[in-house]
Amino acid sequence: RTALPLAEVVKLSEEELDFLFDGLPGSTEERLQRLHRMGPRLIFLTLGAQGCRYSLDGKIAGSMPAEKVKVADTTGAGDIFGGATAYGLLQHGCNLNTLNKTDLENIVRFAGRAAGLSTERHGGIPSIPSLEEIKQRYSE
């Protein structure tokens, strides 16, 4: 909680959001708004097989369902999602002021695909897909 005012971007799981607001009433949306007031401008909330919700400044928000995969092991999937969102933000110049809904959807889609692909393999580090693997699997 003490680091949140210093962060512009955070990635939390549903369990971590529950831990942060343990005992405090409120819907997920209310908790995301409360989290924005604590400091972070861009929030990614991962929901496992249900996908991800995202919110930028509480103004641009949305969700993306997870794509269907054959899960072998979920170890590291959240970390891979976080790393893939960092990659996506770098590709967009890391300027939160210029991101739009389409940019965020593309970042979340890419990160979800990277994390999903990783769950088809065992282990944390060995399951990290390469950029080429992600592009080959999801060529668009």
Protein backbone atom coordinates (compact mmCIF):
# COMPACT_ATOMS: atom_id res chain seq x y z
CA ARG A 1 0.00 0.00 0.00
CA THR A 2 2.85 2.39 0.69
CA ALA A 3 4.24 1.96 -2.83
CA LEU A 4 0.95 2.58 -4.65
CA PRO A 5 1.23 6.40 -4.56
CA LEU A 6 4.57 6.04 -6.37
CA ALA A 7 3.27 3.82 -9.16
CA GLU A 8 1.71 5.01 -12.39
CA VAL A 9 0.99 1.50 -13.69
CA VAL A 10 -0.01 -1.52 -11.62
CA LYS A 11 -0.97 -5.07 -12.47
CA LEU A 12 -2.95 -6.89 -9.82
CA SER A 13 -4.71 -10.20 -9.67
CA GLU A 14 -8.22 -10.42 -8.30
CA GLU A 15 -6.79 -12.01 -5.13
CA GLU A 16 -4.34 -9.12 -4.68
CA LEU A 17 -7.14 -6.58 -5.08
CA ASP A 18 -9.14 -8.44 -2.42
CA PHE A 19 -6.09 -8.42 -0.14
CA LEU A 20 -5.61 -4.66 -0.59
CA PHE A 21 -9.20 -3.90 0.34
CA ASP A 22 -9.80 -6.71 2.81
CA GLY A 23 -12.85 -5.95 4.89
CA LEU A 24 -13.83 -2.86 2.91
CA PRO A 25 -17.14 -3.10 1.08
CA GLY A 26 -17.42 -2.33 -2.59
CA SER A 27 -17.69 -3.74 -6.05
CA THR A 28 -14.68 -4.38 -8.23
CA GLU A 29 -15.38 -1.12 -10.05
CA GLU A 30 -15.50 0.82 -6.77
CA ARG A 31 -12.24 -0.80 -5.68
CA LEU A 32 -10.57 0.14 -8.96
CA GLN A 33 -11.69 3.74 -8.50
CA ARG A 34 -10.37 3.69 -4.92
CA LEU A 35 -7.09 2.29 -6.22
CA HIS A 36 -6.85 5.15 -8.75
CA ARG A 37 -7.27 7.65 -5.91
CA MET A 38 -4.28 6.00 -4.19
CA GLY A 39 -2.04 6.97 -7.11
CA PRO A 40 -1.87 4.55 -10.06
CA ARG A 41 -3.12 5.93 -13.36
CA LEU A 42 -3.24 2.66 -15.30
CA ILE A 43 -4.52 -0.52 -13.68
CA PHE A 44 -4.55 -4.01 -15.13
CA LEU A 45 -6.65 -6.46 -13.11
CA THR A 46 -6.10 -10.05 -14.18
CA LEU A 47 -8.95 -12.48 -13.68
CA GLY A 48 -7.40 -15.79 -14.70
CA ALA A 49 -9.55 -17.70 -17.17
CA GLN A 50 -11.99 -14.76 -17.23
CA GLY A 51 -9.41 -12.42 -18.78
CA CYS A 52 -8.54 -8.91 -17.68
CA ARG A 53 -10.04 -5.57 -16.77
CA TYR A 54 -8.16 -2.35 -17.33
CA SER A 55 -8.68 1.25 -16.33
CA LEU A 56 -6.76 4.40 -17.25
CA ASP A 57 -7.43 7.37 -14.99
CA GLY A 58 -10.88 5.90 -14.33
CA LYS A 59 -11.94 7.31 -17.73
CA ILE A 60 -10.93 4.70 -20.29
CA ALA A 61 -11.90 1.29 -19.02
CA GLY A 62 -12.80 -2.08 -20.37
CA SER A 63 -12.34 -5.79 -20.17
CA MET A 64 -11.09 -8.52 -22.42
CA PRO A 65 -11.96 -12.19 -22.12
CA ALA A 66 -9.19 -14.75 -22.04
CA GLU A 67 -8.70 -16.86 -25.13
CA LYS A 68 -9.23 -20.58 -24.74
CA VAL A 69 -6.03 -22.56 -24.12
CA LYS A 70 -5.16 -26.03 -22.90
CA VAL A 71 -3.79 -25.24 -19.45
CA ALA A 72 -0.89 -27.34 -18.18
CA ASP A 73 0.48 -24.97 -15.48
CA THR A 74 -0.37 -21.39 -14.55
CA THR A 75 2.94 -20.71 -12.79
CA GLY A 76 4.30 -17.35 -13.95
CA ALA A 77 1.31 -16.39 -16.09
CA GLY A 78 0.69 -13.20 -14.10
CA ASP A 79 4.34 -12.20 -14.37
CA ILE A 80 4.29 -12.86 -18.10
CA PHE A 81 1.13 -10.77 -18.41
CA GLY A 82 2.88 -7.95 -16.53
CA GLY A 83 5.99 -8.17 -18.69
CA ALA A 84 3.92 -8.25 -21.86
CA THR A 85 1.98 -5.14 -20.80
CA ALA A 86 5.32 -3.40 -20.14
CA TYR A 87 6.41 -4.39 -23.67
CA GLY A 88 3.14 -3.05 -25.07
CA LEU A 89 3.52 0.24 -23.22
CA LEU A 90 7.07 0.56 -24.56
CA GLN A 91 5.76 0.00 -28.08
CA HIS A 92 3.37 2.93 -27.52
CA GLY A 93 6.07 5.24 -26.19
CA CYS A 94 5.14 4.80 -22.50
CA ASN A 95 3.08 7.98 -22.62
CA LEU A 96 -0.12 7.36 -20.67
CA ASN A 97 -1.49 10.70 -21.88
CA THR A 98 -1.65 9.51 -25.49
CA LEU A 99 -3.07 6.01 -24.97
CA ASN A 100 -6.59 5.45 -26.25
CA LYS A 101 -9.02 2.57 -25.85
CA THR A 102 -7.76 0.80 -28.98
CA ASP A 103 -4.16 1.01 -27.73
CA LEU A 104 -5.18 -0.45 -24.37
CA GLU A 105 -7.19 -3.22 -26.01
CA ASN A 106 -4.18 -4.15 -28.17
CA ILE A 107 -1.85 -4.17 -25.16
CA VAL A 108 -4.25 -6.32 -23.11
CA ARG A 109 -4.90 -8.69 -26.02
CA PHE A 110 -1.15 -9.19 -26.57
CA ALA A 111 -0.46 -9.65 -22.85
CA GLY A 112 -3.36 -12.08 -22.48
CA ARG A 113 -2.14 -14.12 -25.41
CA ALA A 114 1.42 -14.23 -24.04
CA ALA A 115 0.18 -15.31 -20.61
CA GLY A 116 -2.25 -17.82 -22.08
CA LEU A 117 0.42 -19.36 -24.27
CA SER A 118 2.67 -19.71 -21.22
CA THR A 119 0.03 -21.75 -19.38
CA GLU A 120 0.23 -24.46 -22.01
CA ARG A 121 3.73 -25.35 -20.71
CA HIS A 122 5.10 -26.30 -17.32
CA GLY A 123 7.23 -24.09 -15.12
CA GLY A 124 7.73 -20.38 -14.67
CA ILE A 125 10.76 -19.40 -16.70
CA PRO A 126 10.62 -22.28 -19.21
CA SER A 127 7.05 -21.32 -20.10
CA ILE A 128 7.89 -17.77 -21.22
CA PRO A 129 6.97 -17.54 -24.91
CA SER A 130 9.18 -15.64 -27.33
CA LEU A 131 7.81 -12.70 -29.29
CA GLU A 132 8.07 -14.82 -32.44
CA GLU A 133 6.03 -17.63 -30.83
CA ILE A 134 3.28 -15.20 -29.92
CA LYS A 135 3.26 -13.68 -33.41
CA GLN A 136 3.22 -17.11 -35.08
CA ARG A 137 0.41 -18.38 -32.88
CA TYR A 138 -1.72 -15.29 -33.29
CA SER A 139 -0.82 -13.93 -36.71
CA GLU A 140 -3.21 -11.14 -37.59
